[in-house]
Protein backbone atom coordinates (compact mmCIF):
# COMPACT_ATOMS: atom_id res chain seq x y z
CA MET A 1 -13.62 11.11 16.71
CA MET A 2 -16.12 11.14 13.87
CA TRP A 3 -17.19 13.64 11.21
CA ASP A 4 -20.35 13.25 9.23
CA ALA A 5 -19.83 14.07 5.54
CA ALA A 6 -23.30 15.58 5.26
CA SER A 7 -22.98 17.93 8.23
CA PRO A 8 -22.97 21.66 7.51
CA GLY A 9 -19.50 23.27 7.42
CA ARG A 10 -17.71 19.92 7.18
CA PRO A 11 -15.45 19.95 4.06
CA SER A 12 -14.75 16.24 4.00
CA PRO A 13 -16.59 13.56 2.03
CA VAL A 14 -15.09 10.95 4.35
CA GLU A 15 -15.99 10.21 7.89
CA ILE A 16 -12.83 9.64 9.90
CA GLN A 17 -12.34 7.46 12.90
CA ARG A 18 -9.18 8.27 14.89
CA ILE A 19 -7.87 5.42 16.97
CA ALA A 20 -4.55 5.25 18.80
CA PRO A 21 -2.35 2.65 17.11
CA SER A 22 -1.93 0.64 20.29
CA ARG A 23 -5.67 0.01 20.75
CA ALA A 24 -7.11 -3.31 19.73
CA ARG A 25 -10.79 -2.29 19.77
CA PHE A 26 -13.04 0.57 18.87
CA PRO A 27 -13.41 3.40 21.40
CA ALA A 28 -16.69 3.60 23.36
CA GLY A 29 -19.48 5.21 21.37
CA ALA A 30 -17.92 4.80 17.92
CA VAL A 31 -20.17 3.82 15.06
CA GLU A 32 -18.77 0.68 13.36
CA PRO A 33 -19.31 -0.23 9.74
CA VAL A 34 -21.97 -2.69 8.72
CA ALA A 35 -20.68 -6.17 9.54
CA ALA A 36 -20.55 -8.89 6.90
CA ALA A 37 -22.87 -11.85 7.14
CA PRO A 38 -21.64 -14.41 9.71
CA VAL A 39 -19.93 -17.55 8.32
CA PRO A 40 -18.90 -20.74 10.13
CA GLY A 41 -15.36 -20.90 11.54
CA PRO A 42 -12.99 -18.06 12.42
CA ARG A 43 -13.38 -14.66 10.94
CA ILE A 44 -10.38 -14.15 8.57
CA GLY A 45 -8.85 -10.75 8.22
CA LEU A 46 -6.59 -9.65 5.31
CA ALA A 47 -4.04 -6.84 5.85
CA LEU A 48 -2.75 -5.55 2.56
CA GLY A 49 0.47 -3.49 2.68
CA GLY A 50 1.78 -0.64 0.63
CA GLY A 51 4.40 -0.92 -2.12
CA SER A 52 3.28 1.01 -5.17
CA ALA A 53 3.32 -1.17 -8.41
CA ARG A 54 4.23 -4.22 -6.34
CA GLY A 55 0.76 -4.05 -5.04
CA TRP A 56 -0.58 -5.80 -8.17
CA SER A 57 0.69 -9.00 -6.63
CA GLN A 58 -2.06 -8.74 -3.97
CA ILE A 59 -4.65 -9.39 -6.71
CA GLY A 60 -3.00 -12.80 -7.27
CA VAL A 61 -2.99 -13.52 -3.52
CA ILE A 62 -6.70 -12.81 -3.17
CA GLU A 63 -7.47 -14.95 -6.24
CA VAL A 64 -5.69 -17.98 -4.73
CA LEU A 65 -7.45 -17.48 -1.36
CA GLU A 66 -10.81 -17.34 -3.07
CA GLU A 67 -10.10 -20.39 -5.19
CA ALA A 68 -9.16 -22.34 -2.04
CA GLY A 69 -12.42 -21.41 -0.35
CA ILE A 70 -10.82 -18.96 2.04
CA HIS A 71 -13.02 -15.86 2.04
CA PRO A 72 -11.77 -12.93 4.24
CA ALA A 73 -14.53 -11.19 6.21
CA VAL A 74 -12.34 -8.24 7.05
CA VAL A 75 -9.90 -6.26 4.90
CA ALA A 76 -7.57 -3.52 6.00
CA GLY A 77 -5.46 -1.79 3.36
CA CYS A 78 -2.71 0.71 3.09
CA SER A 79 -1.77 2.74 -0.05
CA ILE A 80 -1.94 0.38 -3.06
CA GLY A 81 -3.16 -2.27 -0.63
CA ALA A 82 -6.11 -0.01 0.15
CA VAL A 83 -6.92 0.21 -3.58
CA VAL A 84 -6.77 -3.55 -4.07
CA GLY A 85 -8.57 -4.25 -0.80
CA GLY A 86 -11.20 -1.58 -1.40
CA CYS A 87 -12.01 -2.92 -4.84
CA TYR A 88 -12.19 -6.48 -3.52
CA ALA A 89 -14.51 -5.41 -0.65
CA ALA A 90 -16.69 -3.65 -3.25
CA GLY A 91 -16.82 -6.73 -5.49
CA GLN A 92 -14.84 -4.97 -8.21
CA LEU A 93 -11.53 -6.90 -8.09
CA GLY A 94 -12.10 -8.14 -11.64
CA LEU A 95 -12.42 -4.59 -12.96
CA LEU A 96 -9.18 -3.59 -11.21
CA LYS A 97 -7.37 -6.61 -12.57
CA GLY A 98 -8.53 -5.80 -16.14
CA PHE A 99 -7.37 -2.22 -15.69
CA ALA A 100 -3.94 -3.34 -14.29
CA LEU A 101 -3.39 -5.79 -17.16
CA SER A 102 -4.26 -3.14 -19.73
CA LEU A 103 -1.50 -0.79 -18.56
CA THR A 104 1.46 -0.09 -20.80
CA ARG A 105 4.38 2.36 -20.24
CA ARG A 106 2.50 4.87 -22.36
CA SER A 107 -0.86 4.51 -20.72
CA VAL A 108 0.73 4.82 -17.18
CA MET A 109 2.17 8.15 -18.30
CA GLY A 110 -1.24 9.10 -19.57
CA LEU A 111 -2.67 8.81 -16.07
CA LEU A 112 -0.19 11.32 -14.71
CA ASP A 113 -1.18 14.96 -14.67
CA LEU A 114 2.04 16.65 -13.64
CA ARG A 115 2.03 19.87 -11.60
CA LEU A 116 4.50 21.48 -9.17
CA ARG A 117 2.50 22.34 -6.07
CA SER A 118 2.12 20.06 -3.04
CA GLY A 119 2.82 17.03 -5.25
CA LEU A 120 4.27 16.21 -8.58
CA ILE A 121 1.04 14.60 -9.81
CA ALA A 122 -2.42 16.10 -9.28
CA GLY A 123 -4.03 12.69 -9.32
CA ASP A 124 -7.26 13.92 -10.99
CA ARG A 125 -7.15 11.38 -13.85
CA LEU A 126 -6.68 8.50 -11.42
CA ARG A 127 -9.50 9.80 -9.19
CA HIS A 128 -11.88 10.02 -12.14
CA ARG A 129 -10.97 6.44 -13.05
CA LEU A 130 -11.71 5.26 -9.49
CA GLN A 131 -15.01 7.22 -9.42
CA ARG A 132 -16.04 5.66 -12.69
CA ASP A 133 -15.50 2.12 -11.46
CA LEU A 134 -16.50 2.53 -7.79
CA ALA A 135 -19.17 5.22 -8.30
CA ASP A 136 -20.46 6.65 -5.04
CA ARG A 137 -19.94 3.53 -2.88
CA ARG A 138 -19.62 4.09 0.83
CA ILE A 139 -17.38 1.98 3.04
CA GLU A 140 -20.17 1.10 5.53
CA GLY A 141 -22.26 -0.32 2.75
CA LEU A 142 -19.69 -2.78 1.45
CA PRO A 143 -20.36 -6.53 1.76
CA ILE A 144 -16.95 -7.00 3.45
CA ARG A 145 -15.77 -4.86 6.36
CA PHE A 146 -13.10 -2.57 5.17
CA ALA A 147 -10.78 0.20 6.38
CA SER A 148 -7.91 2.08 4.96
CA VAL A 149 -5.13 3.88 6.90
CA ALA A 150 -3.73 7.33 6.35
CA THR A 151 -1.46 9.80 8.10
CA ASP A 152 -2.38 13.22 9.52
CA LEU A 153 0.02 15.68 7.87
CA HIS A 154 0.19 18.10 10.74
CA GLY A 155 0.06 15.82 13.85
CA GLY A 156 1.60 12.63 12.32
CA GLU A 157 -1.23 10.62 13.78
CA GLU A 158 -2.52 7.38 12.40
CA VAL A 159 -6.04 7.74 10.95
CA TRP A 160 -8.35 4.90 10.16
CA LEU A 161 -10.98 5.49 7.47
CA THR A 162 -13.94 3.24 8.27
CA ARG A 163 -16.94 5.23 6.92
CA GLY A 164 -17.80 7.51 4.03
CA SER A 165 -16.73 7.72 0.41
CA LEU A 166 -14.69 4.72 -0.61
CA VAL A 167 -12.91 6.64 -3.36
CA GLU A 168 -11.76 9.41 -1.01
CA ALA A 169 -10.65 6.91 1.53
CA LEU A 170 -8.46 5.22 -1.07
CA ARG A 171 -7.02 8.54 -2.33
CA ALA A 172 -6.06 9.55 1.17
CA SER A 173 -4.29 6.26 1.81
CA TYR A 174 -2.15 6.37 -1.36
CA ALA A 175 -1.24 10.12 -1.18
CA LEU A 176 2.50 9.46 -1.47
CA PRO A 177 4.37 12.55 -0.10
CA GLY A 178 5.87 14.66 -2.79
CA ILE A 179 4.14 12.66 -5.48
CA PHE A 180 0.43 13.14 -4.79
CA PRO A 181 -1.00 16.10 -2.89
CA PRO A 182 -2.53 15.56 0.56
CA VAL A 183 -6.25 14.79 0.63
CA ARG A 184 -8.50 16.97 2.82
CA CYS A 185 -10.78 14.88 5.00
CA GLY A 186 -12.73 16.03 8.05
CA GLY A 187 -10.75 19.19 8.34
CA ARG A 188 -7.43 17.25 8.19
CA LEU A 189 -4.81 16.91 5.52
CA LEU A 190 -4.07 13.20 5.00
CA LEU A 191 -1.07 11.47 3.48
CA ASP A 192 -0.10 7.93 2.61
CA GLY A 193 -0.66 5.48 5.38
CA THR A 194 2.65 3.78 4.94
CA LEU A 195 4.23 6.54 7.04
CA VAL A 196 2.62 5.10 10.18
CA ASN A 197 1.28 1.54 9.48
CA PRO A 198 2.46 0.06 6.19
CA VAL A 199 1.00 -3.41 6.79
CA PRO A 200 -2.15 -2.76 8.88
CA VAL A 201 -2.50 -5.96 10.83
CA SER A 202 -3.62 -4.02 13.95
CA ILE A 203 -6.60 -2.58 12.02
CA ALA A 204 -7.73 -6.01 10.77
CA ARG A 205 -7.79 -7.24 14.32
CA ALA A 206 -9.63 -4.20 15.58
CA LEU A 207 -12.32 -4.80 12.88
CA GLY A 208 -13.00 -8.17 14.39
CA ALA A 209 -10.69 -10.68 12.62
CA ASP A 210 -9.81 -13.85 14.52
CA LEU A 211 -6.95 -14.79 12.14
CA VAL A 212 -4.97 -12.16 10.23
CA ILE A 213 -3.16 -12.95 6.91
CA CYS A 214 -0.94 -10.08 5.86
CA VAL A 215 0.65 -9.42 2.51
CA ASN A 216 4.01 -7.68 3.00
CA LEU A 217 5.21 -6.19 -0.34
CA ASN A 218 8.64 -5.22 1.12
CA GLY A 219 9.52 -8.42 2.94
CA ASP A 220 11.66 -9.91 0.10
CA PRO A 221 15.23 -9.70 1.37
CA GLY A 222 16.38 -8.21 -1.92
CA ALA A 223 13.70 -5.53 -2.04
CA CYS A 224 15.38 -2.97 0.14
CA GLY A 225 19.02 -3.84 -0.01
CA PRO A 226 21.15 -5.39 2.77
CA ARG A 227 19.81 -5.73 6.28
CA GLU A 228 23.13 -5.23 8.04
CA PRO A 229 24.72 -1.77 8.25
CA ALA A 230 27.37 -1.06 5.58
CA ARG A 231 30.77 -0.06 7.10
CA MET A 232 32.90 2.20 5.00
CA THR A 233 35.11 5.22 5.45
CA ALA A 234 34.32 8.66 4.21
CA GLU A 235 37.34 8.44 1.92
CA SER A 236 36.02 5.33 0.25
CA VAL A 237 32.75 7.10 -0.43
CA SER A 238 34.05 10.43 -1.72
CA ALA A 239 37.49 9.78 -3.28
CA PRO A 240 37.43 9.67 -7.17
CA SER A 241 39.00 6.72 -8.96
CA PRO A 242 42.74 7.35 -9.43
CA ARG A 243 42.69 5.37 -12.65
CA ARG A 244 39.90 7.21 -14.45
CA PRO A 245 39.54 10.93 -14.88
CA ARG A 246 36.15 12.47 -14.13
CA ARG A 247 35.02 13.20 -17.69
CA TRP A 248 31.37 13.90 -18.49
CA ILE A 249 29.44 11.86 -20.97
CA LEU A 250 25.79 11.73 -22.05
CA ARG A 251 23.87 8.64 -20.94
CA ARG A 252 21.49 8.93 -23.92
CA PRO A 253 20.52 11.56 -26.47
CA GLY A 254 18.79 14.53 -24.75
CA SER A 255 19.58 13.32 -21.24
CA ARG A 256 21.64 15.26 -18.67
CA ALA A 257 25.31 14.50 -18.47
CA ALA A 258 26.78 12.20 -15.82
CA PRO A 259 30.37 11.45 -14.67
CA GLU A 260 31.93 8.67 -16.68
CA ALA A 261 33.35 7.07 -13.46
CA ASP A 262 29.97 6.96 -11.85
CA VAL A 263 28.38 5.41 -14.92
CA ALA A 264 31.12 2.78 -15.08
CA ASN A 265 30.47 1.85 -11.44
CA GLY A 266 26.71 1.87 -11.78
CA LEU A 267 26.42 4.97 -9.60
CA ALA A 268 24.85 7.48 -11.96
CA THR A 269 22.61 9.79 -9.97
CA PRO A 270 18.94 8.84 -10.44
CA GLY A 271 16.15 11.33 -11.07
CA MET A 272 14.21 13.17 -8.40
CA ALA A 273 11.14 10.87 -8.50
CA ARG A 274 13.27 7.74 -8.28
CA VAL A 275 15.27 9.13 -5.27
CA MET A 276 11.99 10.05 -3.45
CA LEU A 277 10.47 6.61 -4.10
CA ASP A 278 13.58 4.69 -3.07
CA ALA A 279 13.97 6.77 0.08
CA PHE A 280 10.31 6.24 0.90
CA ASN A 281 10.65 2.53 0.28
CA ILE A 282 13.54 2.30 2.74
CA THR A 283 11.60 4.13 5.42
CA GLN A 284 8.52 1.95 4.78
CA ASP A 285 10.57 -1.22 5.14
CA ARG A 286 11.88 -0.14 8.52
CA ILE A 287 8.45 0.96 9.79
CA SER A 288 6.90 -2.29 8.53
CA ARG A 289 9.38 -4.45 10.46
CA ALA A 290 8.78 -2.47 13.64
CA ARG A 291 4.98 -2.57 13.40
CA LEU A 292 4.92 -6.23 12.44
CA ALA A 293 7.15 -7.11 15.41
CA ALA A 294 4.65 -5.30 17.71
CA ASP A 295 1.53 -6.58 15.92
CA PRO A 296 2.50 -9.84 14.24
CA PRO A 297 0.02 -11.50 11.80
CA ASP A 298 -1.00 -15.13 12.09
CA ILE A 299 0.66 -15.68 8.78
CA ALA A 300 2.62 -13.39 6.40
CA ILE A 301 2.60 -13.82 2.65
CA VAL A 302 5.78 -12.32 1.11
CA PRO A 303 5.87 -12.33 -2.67
CA ARG A 304 9.31 -12.27 -4.30
CA LEU A 305 9.12 -8.78 -5.66
CA SER A 306 12.70 -7.45 -5.37
CA GLY A 307 13.00 -7.47 -9.22
CA MET A 308 9.93 -5.34 -9.71
CA GLY A 309 10.37 -1.53 -9.60
CA LEU A 310 7.99 0.60 -7.53
CA PHE A 311 6.83 2.52 -10.63
CA GLU A 312 6.53 -0.39 -13.03
CA PHE A 313 2.76 -0.55 -13.02
CA HIS A 314 2.84 -1.91 -16.53
CA ARG A 315 4.21 -5.22 -15.25
CA ALA A 316 0.88 -6.24 -13.64
CA ALA A 317 0.82 -9.74 -15.17
CA GLU A 318 4.19 -10.56 -13.63
CA GLY A 319 3.19 -9.10 -10.23
CA ILE A 320 -0.09 -11.00 -10.13
CA ALA A 321 1.72 -14.28 -10.98
CA LEU A 322 4.27 -13.69 -8.20
CA GLY A 323 1.41 -13.05 -5.77
CA ARG A 324 -0.27 -16.32 -6.78
CA GLU A 325 2.92 -18.22 -6.30
CA ALA A 326 3.47 -16.85 -2.81
CA ALA A 327 -0.16 -17.48 -1.76
CA ARG A 328 -0.05 -21.12 -3.09
CA ALA A 329 3.08 -21.75 -1.04
CA ALA A 330 1.34 -20.41 2.06
CA LEU A 331 -1.89 -22.36 1.63
CA PRO A 332 -0.98 -25.46 3.66
CA GLN A 333 -0.17 -23.22 6.68
CA ILE A 334 -3.24 -21.15 6.26
CA ARG A 335 -5.47 -24.18 6.06
CA GLY A 336 -3.83 -25.56 9.23
CA LEU A 337 -4.41 -22.37 11.15
CA VAL A 338 -8.04 -22.14 9.99
CA ALA A 339 -8.75 -25.75 10.99
CA ALA A 340 -7.13 -25.33 14.34
CA ALA A 341 -9.11 -22.15 15.05
CA ALA A 342 -12.35 -23.81 13.87
CA ALA A 343 -11.70 -26.72 16.30
CA ARG A 344 -11.42 -24.34 19.20
CA THR A 345 -14.78 -22.68 18.46
């Protein structure tokens, strides 16, 4: 189902293509984006997953692929992966890298315009930055085929953004629930795509990729805690330590008080934003594993990102280096798959 941004009465600057997640092709009559120029060998697709600040590592992955002569013809992105993938498809990855490397703790806070409505952060400052760098680019005019994924707030449906304003498509894909407000597109309210398809391999295949390389930002075993269920009794969870009274101390000047026993055991209650992000990360990890089992990539690149926090956007240099390291390790397998696919064509 498509909406034209220029049509009277349509509030959305983005045209939306709605496709059931199980489909591996476009529905009859759908208008597809402009295809990239054909190149010899298999069409390589890149599926870039969500993971907040860890997404900077995807810049390093793309750099290594380009240096190795592996040029994706199709890019599908989710959340931060949509931002990196959209900038790459628009030929602006260098601008995004420069912006990421310039971030400090203070400048990250400067991008946040706090409010208490449908999200903690209005996102206007970040939107203005994207508009400055990407101007009025439209997805169908990009040299590389691109799509981002978002989630319909009311129906929970997976929505693929394949035409229209690139900036609005990126905003809809990274609209993290509770942090950023939903984005209105085509009469729908859209949220972060990680709620339905955190690593959009299926989209890359539907856009025509013969081989799909995915970047899973949450695949590091240490990123989301233990994989096996933890077994413990309710008493072991709730009973206070018999050796230490529950006295309240301050963690730092001006902060709220916390139980001394909890601080000693590393269990001090985190803030609201941290709880929301960690809970969302756990959900994203579980959904990612289920979707990748159903729609496996030809090869998965998994940077070792467990030591990088979801909000540590100021650590871009480290994230990019970890992405380069993971991509270099995967290059022999990627080259082998490309050569085998080329031999079959």
